[in-house]
Every structure is written in structure tokens, then in C-alpha cells.
Amino acid sequence: MATETIVRVKTVSVTKAVAAAGNYAAEDVISENANAGQGTAWTFDALVSAAGRSGVITQAHIICETTGQVQPTTLYLFKATPTCELDDNAGNTAPLHADSANYAGKIEFPAMSDLGGDSEARVSTSTTGGLPIYFTCAATDDALFGVLVTTIAFTNETAGDDYIIRLTVEQE
């Protein structure tokens, strides 16, 4: 008798109102707080069905509520909260060697499109950007933790802009 594999697909969305504490330089972190030690990782909870389970990220989508945001970005992913820089508008340090055991990979979003509404970009297994990413969550967690970084400088930021990142996962 043949065994049947059932694939569960789940999309997890995280929204942050970013600090936009000033013009962003290339390789700056994009986060909700610019005060030293106050920024947090992007937490993608319940990506898998139970703690310690595995999955495959097959699609990723980033949206910014401000028209005219066309910068490419990179999302570094970890299976535990990373120790690298998490504060908005600070120079990126991800991935640090100290976080290497928890490093799951990175998603490279292309320049966002701006057609008059929100700015957005999407990556899938059929595009460039680093997908699929196979991962296993920490034994006591069902989440991945991210650090969002701009790859170029940009100056049209607005404090409080909502950034949304959606990850679509095929669960184990």
C-alpha cells in the first residue's frame, strides 16, 4: 500500500510600524524602535504545527504602506532570537557568528514596485531571492525570527509606516 503525503500550507503575516528614525543608509536595519537595545526581531509564530517541527518557505511577500518605497531588502531568518543588531536605522550585523547555529537562511526581496498604492515585492521558488528555505524550528518553539535590512540607502521614509511581511510555508 502506498503512503500518502499530506502537505499543509500556511501563511503567517507580521506587521510592524517602523521607527524610520532618519534616512536609511545601505545595510541599515528596519525595525520598530531606534533606541539602543529596544528593537525586536520579526517573529513569525506558528509557522509549523508544533515545536521543533520542520517546514519549507515557498513564498515571501513584503508590503510597505508608503507609495514610492522601491528599495530592495533582505530578511535574515533564525530559529531563535538573534543577538545581532535589531534597532531601527542601525547598521546591520546579521548574521553574526554567535548566531550561526540558529541561522536558517535569507530572503532577498527585489526592489519594491510602486504603482500608486502600497509598495510591494514578492519572492517565490520560481523567482530569484533565495527560496525555497528548508528549516527546522527550535525544539521548544514553532517560530522563526527575522531581521529586515535595506540593501540601499533611501530617504522617503515615514515614521510609523507599516511594513508587512508574509511567509508561506509548506509544513512537515
Foldseek 3Di string as FASTA:
>chain_A
DDDDDDWDKDKFKFKEQWQCVFWAAAQWWTANAQPPPPGFWGKRAQLAPAAFFKWKFFKKKKKWFDAPQFFKKKKWKFLDTAPWDRHGRDHGDPPDPVRVVGTQGMFTWHTWDGPPGITMTMDGPVHDTDDTTIDTHHNHGNIMTIIMTTRHIDGPDDRRIMMMMMTMITTD
